[in-house]
Amino acid sequence: MMKLNNQRGGISILGILFFGFTIILVLSYFNISIRVVVESPTTQDNINYVGGAGKSLWDDYLKQPALYFWNNILIPFFWRPFISNMERLRDGRLTDFQMNAPQINY
């Protein structure tokens, strides 16, 4: 008899929900209030600091390369051909792949 092993690594949505529920139960067991922790001035200060640092990182270092990639690579080479092919499919015409595929004449 052949044994199939179809198990994949990773975690499911139910696993994430169960894990989150377990974390909440553990915090409750140790009398840690999530609301008090989130609303504390220290936590708010940390969130504001990380948010400001992230905005600075985006504005100073990542924005220009991301916009270049979006405008000069992603849009012309992927998005426009995708839209064009979807319009062709809608209209019942051949796609780029079908028009450029090698054909055998017999």
PDB file of N, CA and C in Angstrom:
ATOM      1  N   MET A   1       0.841  -1.173   0.000  1.00  0.00           N
ATOM      2  CA  MET A   1       0.000   0.000   0.000  1.00  0.00           C
ATOM      3  C   MET A   1       0.888   1.238   0.000  1.00  0.00           C
ATOM      4  N   MET A   2       0.519   2.198  -0.809  1.00  0.00           N
ATOM      5  CA  MET A   2       1.296   3.417  -0.928  1.00  0.00           C
ATOM      6  C   MET A   2       0.826   4.435   0.108  1.00  0.00           C
ATOM      7  N   LYS A   3       1.779   5.018   0.791  1.00  0.00           N
ATOM      8  CA  LYS A   3       1.441   6.008   1.808  1.00  0.00           C
ATOM      9  C   LYS A   3       1.743   7.394   1.247  1.00  0.00           C
ATOM     10  N   LEU A   4       0.750   8.261   1.268  1.00  0.00           N
ATOM     11  CA  LEU A   4       0.923   9.622   0.786  1.00  0.00           C
ATOM     12  C   LEU A   4       1.146  10.556   1.967  1.00  0.00           C
ATOM     13  N   ASN A   5       2.156  11.377   1.861  1.00  0.00           N
ATOM     14  CA  ASN A   5       2.437  12.353   2.899  1.00  0.00           C
ATOM     15  C   ASN A   5       2.205  13.738   2.307  1.00  0.00           C
ATOM     16  N   ASN A   6       1.026  14.276   2.520  1.00  0.00           N
ATOM     17  CA  ASN A   6       0.659  15.568   1.950  1.00  0.00           C
ATOM     18  C   ASN A   6       0.726  16.693   2.963  1.00  0.00           C
ATOM     19  N   GLN A   7       1.420  16.499   4.050  1.00  0.00           N
ATOM     20  CA  GLN A   7       1.482  17.535   5.064  1.00  0.00           C
ATOM     21  C   GLN A   7       2.456  18.618   4.624  1.00  0.00           C
ATOM     22  N   ARG A   8       2.023  19.851   4.786  1.00  0.00           N
ATOM     23  CA  ARG A   8       2.868  20.988   4.466  1.00  0.00           C
ATOM     24  C   ARG A   8       3.163  21.742   5.747  1.00  0.00           C
ATOM     25  N   GLY A   9       4.275  22.466   5.739  1.00  0.00           N
ATOM     26  CA  GLY A   9       4.613  23.297   6.885  1.00  0.00           C
ATOM     27  C   GLY A   9       3.738  24.534   6.912  1.00  0.00           C
ATOM     28  N   GLY A  10       3.758  25.232   8.004  1.00  0.00           N
ATOM     29  CA  GLY A  10       2.984  26.460   8.102  1.00  0.00           C
ATOM     30  C   GLY A  10       1.888  26.327   9.135  1.00  0.00           C
ATOM     31  N   ILE A  11       1.102  27.377   9.223  1.00  0.00           N
ATOM     32  CA  ILE A  11       0.035  27.408  10.213  1.00  0.00           C
ATOM     33  C   ILE A  11      -1.225  27.920   9.529  1.00  0.00           C
ATOM     34  N   SER A  12      -2.344  27.402   9.945  1.00  0.00           N
ATOM     35  CA  SER A  12      -3.611  27.785   9.330  1.00  0.00           C
ATOM     36  C   SER A  12      -4.223  28.978  10.062  1.00  0.00           C
ATOM     37  N   ILE A  13      -5.280  29.519   9.487  1.00  0.00           N
ATOM     38  CA  ILE A  13      -6.007  30.620  10.122  1.00  0.00           C
ATOM     39  C   ILE A  13      -6.559  30.171  11.471  1.00  0.00           C
ATOM     40  N   LEU A  14      -7.072  28.952  11.513  1.00  0.00           N
ATOM     41  CA  LEU A  14      -7.587  28.443  12.798  1.00  0.00           C
ATOM     42  C   LEU A  14      -6.474  28.320  13.825  1.00  0.00           C
ATOM     43  N   GLY A  15      -5.297  27.942  13.382  1.00  0.00           N
ATOM     44  CA  GLY A  15      -4.151  27.862  14.281  1.00  0.00           C
ATOM     45  C   GLY A  15      -3.777  29.219  14.833  1.00  0.00           C
ATOM     46  N   ILE A  16      -3.821  30.247  13.980  1.00  0.00           N
ATOM     47  CA  ILE A  16      -3.511  31.607  14.424  1.00  0.00           C
ATOM     48  C   ILE A  16      -4.552  32.078  15.436  1.00  0.00           C
ATOM     49  N   LEU A  17      -5.833  31.825  15.143  1.00  0.00           N
ATOM     50  CA  LEU A  17      -6.889  32.214  16.074  1.00  0.00           C
ATOM     51  C   LEU A  17      -6.745  31.497  17.413  1.00  0.00           C
ATOM     52  N   PHE A  18      -6.469  30.207  17.374  1.00  0.00           N
ATOM     53  CA  PHE A  18      -6.279  29.438  18.600  1.00  0.00           C
ATOM     54  C   PHE A  18      -5.083  29.961  19.387  1.00  0.00           C
ATOM     55  N   PHE A  19      -3.998  30.282  18.685  1.00  0.00           N
ATOM     56  CA  PHE A  19      -2.802  30.818  19.331  1.00  0.00           C
ATOM     57  C   PHE A  19      -3.105  32.163  19.993  1.00  0.00           C
ATOM     58  N   GLY A  20      -3.824  33.043  19.292  1.00  0.00           N
ATOM     59  CA  GLY A  20      -4.200  34.337  19.854  1.00  0.00           C
ATOM     60  C   GLY A  20      -5.073  34.179  21.083  1.00  0.00           C
ATOM     61  N   PHE A  21      -6.045  33.271  21.007  1.00  0.00           N
ATOM     62  CA  PHE A  21      -6.923  33.005  22.151  1.00  0.00           C
ATOM     63  C   PHE A  21      -6.114  32.480  23.335  1.00  0.00           C
ATOM     64  N   THR A  22      -5.151  31.619  23.070  1.00  0.00           N
ATOM     65  CA  THR A  22      -4.307  31.075  24.129  1.00  0.00           C
ATOM     66  C   THR A  22      -3.464  32.175  24.774  1.00  0.00           C
ATOM     67  N   ILE A  23      -2.926  33.071  23.960  1.00  0.00           N
ATOM     68  CA  ILE A  23      -2.142  34.190  24.498  1.00  0.00           C
ATOM     69  C   ILE A  23      -3.005  35.050  25.420  1.00  0.00           C
ATOM     70  N   ILE A  24      -4.241  35.329  24.993  1.00  0.00           N
ATOM     71  CA  ILE A  24      -5.149  36.132  25.821  1.00  0.00           C
ATOM     72  C   ILE A  24      -5.442  35.426  27.139  1.00  0.00           C
ATOM     73  N   LEU A  25      -5.651  34.109  27.087  1.00  0.00           N
ATOM     74  CA  LEU A  25      -5.890  33.362  28.332  1.00  0.00           C
ATOM     75  C   LEU A  25      -4.679  33.401  29.256  1.00  0.00           C
ATOM     76  N   VAL A  26      -3.481  33.273  28.714  1.00  0.00           N
ATOM     77  CA  VAL A  26      -2.267  33.305  29.534  1.00  0.00           C
ATOM     78  C   VAL A  26      -2.100  34.680  30.172  1.00  0.00           C
ATOM     79  N   LEU A  27      -2.328  35.742  29.373  1.00  0.00           N
ATOM     80  CA  LEU A  27      -2.229  37.093  29.939  1.00  0.00           C
ATOM     81  C   LEU A  27      -3.265  37.304  31.043  1.00  0.00           C
ATOM     82  N   SER A  28      -4.459  36.789  30.839  1.00  0.00           N
ATOM     83  CA  SER A  28      -5.501  36.911  31.854  1.00  0.00           C
ATOM     84  C   SER A  28      -5.125  36.144  33.125  1.00  0.00           C
ATOM     85  N   TYR A  29      -4.504  34.998  32.970  1.00  0.00           N
ATOM     86  CA  TYR A  29      -4.092  34.199  34.115  1.00  0.00           C
ATOM     87  C   TYR A  29      -3.104  34.971  34.989  1.00  0.00           C
ATOM     88  N   PHE A  30      -2.209  35.725  34.355  1.00  0.00           N
ATOM     89  CA  PHE A  30      -1.221  36.508  35.093  1.00  0.00           C
ATOM     90  C   PHE A  30      -1.716  37.918  35.423  1.00  0.00           C
ATOM     91  N   ASN A  31      -3.042  38.139  35.311  1.00  0.00           N
ATOM     92  CA  ASN A  31      -3.671  39.426  35.633  1.00  0.00           C
ATOM     93  C   ASN A  31      -3.068  40.603  34.866  1.00  0.00           C
ATOM     94  N   ILE A  32      -2.786  40.392  33.587  1.00  0.00           N
ATOM     95  CA  ILE A  32      -2.266  41.451  32.730  1.00  0.00           C
ATOM     96  C   ILE A  32      -3.418  41.928  31.845  1.00  0.00           C
ATOM     97  N   SER A  33      -3.775  43.183  31.982  1.00  0.00           N
ATOM     98  CA  SER A  33      -4.861  43.762  31.202  1.00  0.00           C
ATOM     99  C   SER A  33      -4.297  44.328  29.901  1.00  0.00           C
ATOM    100  N   ILE A  34      -4.792  43.833  28.778  1.00  0.00           N
ATOM    101  CA  ILE A  34      -4.320  44.300  27.483  1.00  0.00           C
ATOM    102  C   ILE A  34      -4.667  45.781  27.319  1.00  0.00           C
ATOM    103  N   ARG A  35      -5.830  46.193  27.774  1.00  0.00           N
ATOM    104  CA  ARG A  35      -6.264  47.588  27.646  1.00  0.00           C
ATOM    105  C   ARG A  35      -5.316  48.521  28.396  1.00  0.00           C
ATOM    106  N   VAL A  36      -4.949  48.147  29.615  1.00  0.00           N
ATOM    107  CA  VAL A  36      -4.053  48.986  30.405  1.00  0.00           C
ATOM    108  C   VAL A  36      -2.685  49.083  29.733  1.00  0.00           C
ATOM    109  N   VAL A  37      -2.215  47.961  29.200  1.00  0.00           N
ATOM    110  CA  VAL A  37      -0.904  47.959  28.539  1.00  0.00           C
ATOM    111  C   VAL A  37      -0.930  48.831  27.292  1.00  0.00           C
ATOM    112  N   VAL A  38      -1.962  48.709  26.473  1.00  0.00           N
ATOM    113  CA  VAL A  38      -2.035  49.461  25.218  1.00  0.00           C
ATOM    114  C   VAL A  38      -2.240  50.943  25.470  1.00  0.00           C
ATOM    115  N   GLU A  39      -3.027  51.303  26.481  1.00  0.00           N
ATOM    116  CA  GLU A  39      -3.340  52.707  26.741  1.00  0.00           C
ATOM    117  C   GLU A  39      -2.309  53.411  27.625  1.00  0.00           C
ATOM    118  N   SER A  40      -1.290  52.699  28.081  1.00  0.00           N
ATOM    119  CA  SER A  40      -0.300  53.335  28.950  1.00  0.00           C
ATOM    120  C   SER A  40       0.513  54.366  28.160  1.00  0.00           C
ATOM    121  N   PRO A  41       0.956  55.426  28.839  1.00  0.00           N
ATOM    122  CA  PRO A  41       1.741  56.457  28.147  1.00  0.00           C
ATOM    123  C   PRO A  41       3.032  55.918  27.529  1.00  0.00           C
ATOM    124  N   THR A  42       3.669  54.969  28.198  1.00  0.00           N
ATOM    125  CA  THR A  42       4.907  54.399  27.665  1.00  0.00           C
ATOM    126  C   THR A  42       4.651  53.680  26.350  1.00  0.00           C
ATOM    127  N   THR A  43       3.587  52.886  26.309  1.00  0.00           N
ATOM    128  CA  THR A  43       3.252  52.171  25.075  1.00  0.00           C
ATOM    129  C   THR A  43       2.900  53.148  23.973  1.00  0.00           C
ATOM    130  N   GLN A  44       2.119  54.172  24.283  1.00  0.00           N
ATOM    131  CA  GLN A  44       1.751  55.168  23.283  1.00  0.00           C
ATOM    132  C   GLN A  44       2.983  55.894  22.760  1.00  0.00           C
ATOM    133  N   ASP A  45       3.918  56.217  23.659  1.00  0.00           N
ATOM    134  CA  ASP A  45       5.159  56.866  23.252  1.00  0.00           C
ATOM    135  C   ASP A  45       5.967  55.959  22.328  1.00  0.00           C
ATOM    136  N   ASN A  46       6.046  54.679  22.662  1.00  0.00           N
ATOM    137  CA  ASN A  46       6.778  53.722  21.819  1.00  0.00           C
ATOM    138  C   ASN A  46       6.126  53.584  20.444  1.00  0.00           C
ATOM    139  N   ILE A  47       4.790  53.523  20.418  1.00  0.00           N
ATOM    140  CA  ILE A  47       4.080  53.403  19.138  1.00  0.00           C
ATOM    141  C   ILE A  47       4.324  54.640  18.288  1.00  0.00           C
ATOM    142  N   ASN A  48       4.263  55.824  18.897  1.00  0.00           N
ATOM    143  CA  ASN A  48       4.527  57.060  18.161  1.00  0.00           C
ATOM    144  C   ASN A  48       5.961  57.112  17.652  1.00  0.00           C
ATOM    145  N   TYR A  49       6.914  56.644  18.455  1.00  0.00           N
ATOM    146  CA  TYR A  49       8.323  56.630  18.050  1.00  0.00           C
ATOM    147  C   TYR A  49       8.540  55.700  16.858  1.00  0.00           C
ATOM    148  N   VAL A  50       7.996  54.490  16.944  1.00  0.00           N
ATOM    149  CA  VAL A  50       8.164  53.527  15.855  1.00  0.00           C
ATOM    150  C   VAL A  50       7.447  54.019  14.598  1.00  0.00           C
ATOM    151  N   GLY A  51       6.258  54.611  14.765  1.00  0.00           N
ATOM    152  CA  GLY A  51       5.539  55.161  13.614  1.00  0.00           C
ATOM    153  C   GLY A  51       6.309  56.287  12.952  1.00  0.00           C
ATOM    154  N   GLY A  52       6.885  57.175  13.748  1.00  0.00           N
ATOM    155  CA  GLY A  52       7.690  58.276  13.204  1.00  0.00           C
ATOM    156  C   GLY A  52       8.945  57.770  12.513  1.00  0.00           C
ATOM    157  N   ALA A  53       9.583  56.764  13.117  1.00  0.00           N
ATOM    158  CA  ALA A  53      10.786  56.194  12.504  1.00  0.00           C
ATOM    159  C   ALA A  53      10.434  55.499  11.186  1.00  0.00           C
ATOM    160  N   GLY A  54       9.304  54.802  11.161  1.00  0.00           N
ATOM    161  CA  GLY A  54       8.874  54.148   9.927  1.00  0.00           C
ATOM    162  C   GLY A  54       8.556  55.149   8.838  1.00  0.00           C
ATOM    163  N   LYS A  55       7.903  56.251   9.209  1.00  0.00           N
ATOM    164  CA  LYS A  55       7.590  57.298   8.228  1.00  0.00           C
ATOM    165  C   LYS A  55       8.865  57.933   7.707  1.00  0.00           C
ATOM    166  N   SER A  56       9.820  58.174   8.589  1.00  0.00           N
ATOM    167  CA  SER A  56      11.118  58.732   8.189  1.00  0.00           C
ATOM    168  C   SER A  56      11.842  57.779   7.245  1.00  0.00           C
ATOM    169  N   LEU A  57      11.853  56.512   7.595  1.00  0.00           N
ATOM    170  CA  LEU A  57      12.502  55.504   6.756  1.00  0.00           C
ATOM    171  C   LEU A  57      11.872  55.475   5.369  1.00  0.00           C
ATOM    172  N   TRP A  58      10.541  55.507   5.320  1.00  0.00           N
ATOM    173  CA  TRP A  58       9.846  55.501   4.028  1.00  0.00           C
ATOM    174  C   TRP A  58      10.178  56.751   3.230  1.00  0.00           C
ATOM    175  N   ASP A  59      10.028  57.928   3.859  1.00  0.00           N
ATOM    176  CA  ASP A  59      10.231  59.186   3.142  1.00  0.00           C
ATOM    177  C   ASP A  59      11.677  59.381   2.690  1.00  0.00           C
ATOM    178  N   ASP A  60      12.645  59.008   3.530  1.00  0.00           N
ATOM    179  CA  ASP A  60      14.050  59.300   3.234  1.00  0.00           C
ATOM    180  C   ASP A  60      14.741  58.240   2.381  1.00  0.00           C
ATOM    181  N   TYR A  61      14.345  56.964   2.512  1.00  0.00           N
ATOM    182  CA  TYR A  61      15.118  55.914   1.857  1.00  0.00           C
ATOM    183  C   TYR A  61      14.314  55.020   0.904  1.00  0.00           C
ATOM    184  N   LEU A  62      13.083  54.706   1.239  1.00  0.00           N
ATOM    185  CA  LEU A  62      12.361  53.686   0.472  1.00  0.00           C
ATOM    186  C   LEU A  62      11.398  54.241  -0.570  1.00  0.00           C
ATOM    187  N   LYS A  63      10.959  55.474  -0.427  1.00  0.00           N
ATOM    188  CA  LYS A  63       9.926  56.010  -1.307  1.00  0.00           C
ATOM    189  C   LYS A  63      10.392  56.106  -2.760  1.00  0.00           C
ATOM    190  N   GLN A  64      11.561  56.680  -2.986  1.00  0.00           N
ATOM    191  CA  GLN A  64      12.055  56.850  -4.355  1.00  0.00           C
ATOM    192  C   GLN A  64      12.284  55.517  -5.072  1.00  0.00           C
ATOM    193  N   PRO A  65      12.986  54.534  -4.465  1.00  0.00           N
ATOM    194  CA  PRO A  65      13.141  53.253  -5.163  1.00  0.00           C
ATOM    195  C   PRO A  65      11.808  52.534  -5.389  1.00  0.00           C
ATOM    196  N   ALA A  66      10.907  52.627  -4.420  1.00  0.00           N
ATOM    197  CA  ALA A  66       9.609  51.955  -4.576  1.00  0.00           C
ATOM    198  C   ALA A  66       8.807  52.595  -5.697  1.00  0.00           C
ATOM    199  N   LEU A  67       8.802  53.922  -5.766  1.00  0.00           N
ATOM    200  CA  LEU A  67       8.083  54.607  -6.840  1.00  0.00           C
ATOM    201  C   LEU A  67       8.717  54.331  -8.201  1.00  0.00           C
ATOM    202  N   TYR A  68      10.051  54.270  -8.261  1.00  0.00           N
ATOM    203  CA  TYR A  68      10.726  53.931  -9.519  1.00  0.00           C
ATOM    204  C   TYR A  68      10.311  52.535  -9.973  1.00  0.00           C
ATOM    205  N   PHE A  69      10.364  51.577  -9.037  1.00  0.00           N
ATOM    206  CA  PHE A  69       9.973  50.201  -9.368  1.00  0.00           C
ATOM    207  C   PHE A  69       8.519  50.149  -9.820  1.00  0.00           C
ATOM    208  N   TRP A  70       7.637  50.852  -9.124  1.00  0.00           N
ATOM    209  CA  TRP A  70       6.215  50.842  -9.458  1.00  0.00           C
ATOM    210  C   TRP A  70       5.962  51.454 -10.834  1.00  0.00           C
ATOM    211  N   ASN A  71       6.511  52.656 -11.064  1.00  0.00           N
ATOM    212  CA  ASN A  71       6.211  53.393 -12.290  1.00  0.00           C
ATOM    213  C   ASN A  71       6.971  52.892 -13.515  1.00  0.00           C
ATOM    214  N   ASN A  72       8.213  52.408 -13.345  1.00  0.00           N
ATOM    215  CA  ASN A  72       9.048  52.058 -14.494  1.00  0.00           C
ATOM    216  C   ASN A  72       9.188  50.568 -14.751  1.00  0.00           C
ATOM    217  N   ILE A  73       8.801  49.735 -13.826  1.00  0.00           N
ATOM    218  CA  ILE A  73       8.936  48.287 -14.018  1.00  0.00           C
ATOM    219  C   ILE A  73       7.586  47.591 -13.895  1.00  0.00           C
ATOM    220  N   LEU A  74       6.921  47.764 -12.778  1.00  0.00           N
ATOM    221  CA  LEU A  74       5.681  47.027 -12.534  1.00  0.00           C
ATOM    222  C   LEU A  74       4.563  47.433 -13.488  1.00  0.00           C
ATOM    223  N   ILE A  75       4.316  48.721 -13.634  1.00  0.00           N
ATOM    224  CA  ILE A  75       3.212  49.183 -14.490  1.00  0.00           C
ATOM    225  C   ILE A  75       3.438  48.805 -15.954  1.00  0.00           C
ATOM    226  N   PRO A  76       4.579  49.177 -16.580  1.00  0.00           N
ATOM    227  CA  PRO A  76       4.692  48.887 -18.018  1.00  0.00           C
ATOM    228  C   PRO A  76       4.873  47.416 -18.358  1.00  0.00           C
ATOM    229  N   PHE A  77       5.546  46.644 -17.512  1.00  0.00           N
ATOM    230  CA  PHE A  77       5.849  45.264 -17.868  1.00  0.00           C
ATOM    231  C   PHE A  77       4.856  44.241 -17.341  1.00  0.00           C
ATOM    232  N   PHE A  78       4.086  44.584 -16.318  1.00  0.00           N
ATOM    233  CA  PHE A  78       3.153  43.620 -15.750  1.00  0.00           C
ATOM    234  C   PHE A  78       1.705  44.090 -15.791  1.00  0.00           C
ATOM    235  N   TRP A  79       1.436  45.302 -15.331  1.00  0.00           N
ATOM    236  CA  TRP A  79       0.058  45.748 -15.191  1.00  0.00           C
ATOM    237  C   TRP A  79      -0.598  46.015 -16.542  1.00  0.00           C
ATOM    238  N   ARG A  80       0.054  46.788 -17.402  1.00  0.00           N
ATOM    239  CA  ARG A  80      -0.551  47.104 -18.703  1.00  0.00           C
ATOM    240  C   ARG A  80      -0.767  45.860 -19.554  1.00  0.00           C
ATOM    241  N   PRO A  81       0.211  44.935 -19.662  1.00  0.00           N
ATOM    242  CA  PRO A  81      -0.071  43.701 -20.413  1.00  0.00           C
ATOM    243  C   PRO A  81      -1.191  42.872 -19.790  1.00  0.00           C
ATOM    244  N   PHE A  82      -1.264  42.841 -18.472  1.00  0.00           N
ATOM    245  CA  PHE A  82      -2.328  42.098 -17.807  1.00  0.00           C
ATOM    246  C   PHE A  82      -3.691  42.672 -18.183  1.00  0.00           C
ATOM    247  N   ILE A  83      -3.837  43.993 -18.089  1.00  0.00           N
ATOM    248  CA  ILE A  83      -5.108  44.642 -18.425  1.00  0.00           C
ATOM    249  C   ILE A  83      -5.436  44.419 -19.900  1.00  0.00           C
ATOM    250  N   SER A  84      -4.432  44.547 -20.754  1.00  0.00           N
ATOM    251  CA  SER A  84      -4.647  44.343 -22.185  1.00  0.00           C
ATOM    252  C   SER A  84      -5.137  42.923 -22.474  1.00  0.00           C
ATOM    253  N   ASN A  85      -4.532  41.940 -21.853  1.00  0.00           N
ATOM    254  CA  ASN A  85      -4.948  40.551 -22.066  1.00  0.00           C
ATOM    255  C   ASN A  85      -6.328  40.272 -21.485  1.00  0.00           C
ATOM    256  N   MET A  86      -6.640  40.882 -20.350  1.00  0.00           N
ATOM    257  CA  MET A  86      -7.978  40.696 -19.788  1.00  0.00           C
ATOM    258  C   MET A  86      -9.043  41.310 -20.705  1.00  0.00           C
ATOM    259  N   GLU A  87      -8.742  42.448 -21.302  1.00  0.00           N
ATOM    260  CA  GLU A  87      -9.678  43.052 -22.250  1.00  0.00           C
ATOM    261  C   GLU A  87      -9.846  42.173 -23.486  1.00  0.00           C
ATOM    262  N   ARG A  88      -8.745  41.578 -23.944  1.00  0.00           N
ATOM    263  CA  ARG A  88      -8.824  40.668 -25.097  1.00  0.00           C
ATOM    264  C   ARG A  88      -9.670  39.442 -24.758  1.00  0.00           C
ATOM    265  N   LEU A  89      -9.474  38.897 -23.567  1.00  0.00           N
ATOM    266  CA  LEU A  89     -10.288  37.746 -23.157  1.00  0.00           C
ATOM    267  C   LEU A  89     -11.760  38.117 -23.104  1.00  0.00           C
ATOM    268  N   ARG A  90     -12.045  39.284 -22.564  1.00  0.00           N
ATOM    269  CA  ARG A  90     -13.426  39.759 -22.480  1.00  0.00           C
ATOM    270  C   ARG A  90     -14.050  39.888 -23.865  1.00  0.00           C
ATOM    271  N   ASP A  91     -13.254  40.368 -24.831  1.00  0.00           N
ATOM    272  CA  ASP A  91     -13.757  40.584 -26.178  1.00  0.00           C
ATOM    273  C   ASP A  91     -13.700  39.334 -27.053  1.00  0.00           C
ATOM    274  N   GLY A  92     -13.174  38.233 -26.522  1.00  0.00           N
ATOM    275  CA  GLY A  92     -13.117  36.985 -27.278  1.00  0.00           C
ATOM    276  C   GLY A  92     -11.966  36.921 -28.262  1.00  0.00           C
ATOM    277  N   ARG A  93     -10.947  37.747 -28.087  1.00  0.00           N
ATOM    278  CA  ARG A  93      -9.780  37.723 -28.969  1.00  0.00           C
ATOM    279  C   ARG A  93      -8.663  36.910 -28.330  1.00  0.00           C
ATOM    280  N   LEU A  94      -7.606  36.646 -29.102  1.00  0.00           N
ATOM    281  CA  LEU A  94      -6.467  35.887 -28.602  1.00  0.00           C
ATOM    282  C   LEU A  94      -5.623  36.744 -27.664  1.00  0.00           C
ATOM    283  N   THR A  95      -5.031  36.118 -26.659  1.00  0.00           N
ATOM    284  CA  THR A  95      -4.142  36.816 -25.732  1.00  0.00           C
ATOM    285  C   THR A  95      -2.743  36.874 -26.325  1.00  0.00           C
ATOM    286  N   ASP A  96      -1.847  37.629 -25.678  1.00  0.00           N
ATOM    287  CA  ASP A  96      -0.452  37.719 -26.133  1.00  0.00           C
ATOM    288  C   ASP A  96       0.187  36.332 -26.164  1.00  0.00           C
ATOM    289  N   PHE A  97      -0.073  35.543 -25.165  1.00  0.00           N
ATOM    290  CA  PHE A  97       0.511  34.204 -25.098  1.00  0.00           C
ATOM    291  C   PHE A  97       0.050  33.349 -26.275  1.00  0.00           C
ATOM    292  N   GLN A  98      -1.215  33.388 -26.567  1.00  0.00           N
ATOM    293  CA  GLN A  98      -1.750  32.601 -27.662  1.00  0.00           C
ATOM    294  C   GLN A  98      -1.224  33.088 -29.013  1.00  0.00           C
ATOM    295  N   MET A  99      -1.073  34.397 -29.176  1.00  0.00           N
ATOM    296  CA  MET A  99      -0.577  34.933 -30.444  1.00  0.00           C
ATOM    297  C   MET A  99       0.905  34.639 -30.643  1.00  0.00           C
ATOM    298  N   ASN A 100       1.679  34.557 -29.587  1.00  0.00           N
ATOM    299  CA  ASN A 100       3.125  34.384 -29.707  1.00  0.00           C
ATOM    300  C   ASN A 100       3.607  32.955 -29.443  1.00  0.00           C
ATOM    301  N   ALA A 101       2.711  32.045 -29.149  1.00  0.00           N
ATOM    302  CA  ALA A 101       3.096  30.659 -28.907  1.00  0.00           C
ATOM    303  C   ALA A 101       3.496  30.017 -30.227  1.00  0.00           C
ATOM    304  N   PRO A 102       4.530  29.173 -30.214  1.00  0.00           N
ATOM    305  CA  PRO A 102       4.899  28.494 -31.454  1.00  0.00           C
ATOM    306  C   PRO A 102       3.777  27.577 -31.912  1.00  0.00           C
ATOM    307  N   GLN A 103       3.603  27.506 -33.200  1.00  0.00           N
ATOM    308  CA  GLN A 103       2.538  26.680 -33.742  1.00  0.00           C
ATOM    309  C   GLN A 103       3.121  25.663 -34.696  1.00  0.00           C
ATOM    310  N   ILE A 104       2.498  24.523 -34.724  1.00  0.00           N
ATOM    311  CA  ILE A 104       2.920  23.446 -35.623  1.00  0.00           C
ATOM    312  C   ILE A 104       1.917  23.352 -36.756  1.00  0.00           C
ATOM    313  N   ASN A 105       2.425  23.454 -37.945  1.00  0.00           N
ATOM    314  CA  ASN A 105       1.569  23.289 -39.116  1.00  0.00           C
ATOM    315  C   ASN A 105       1.710  21.863 -39.623  1.00  0.00           C
ATOM    316  N   TYR A 106       0.606  21.174 -39.724  1.00  0.00           N
ATOM    317  CA  TYR A 106       0.663  19.784 -40.196  1.00  0.00           C
ATOM    318  C   TYR A 106      -0.368  19.551 -41.240  1.00  0.00           C
TER     319      TYR A 106
END
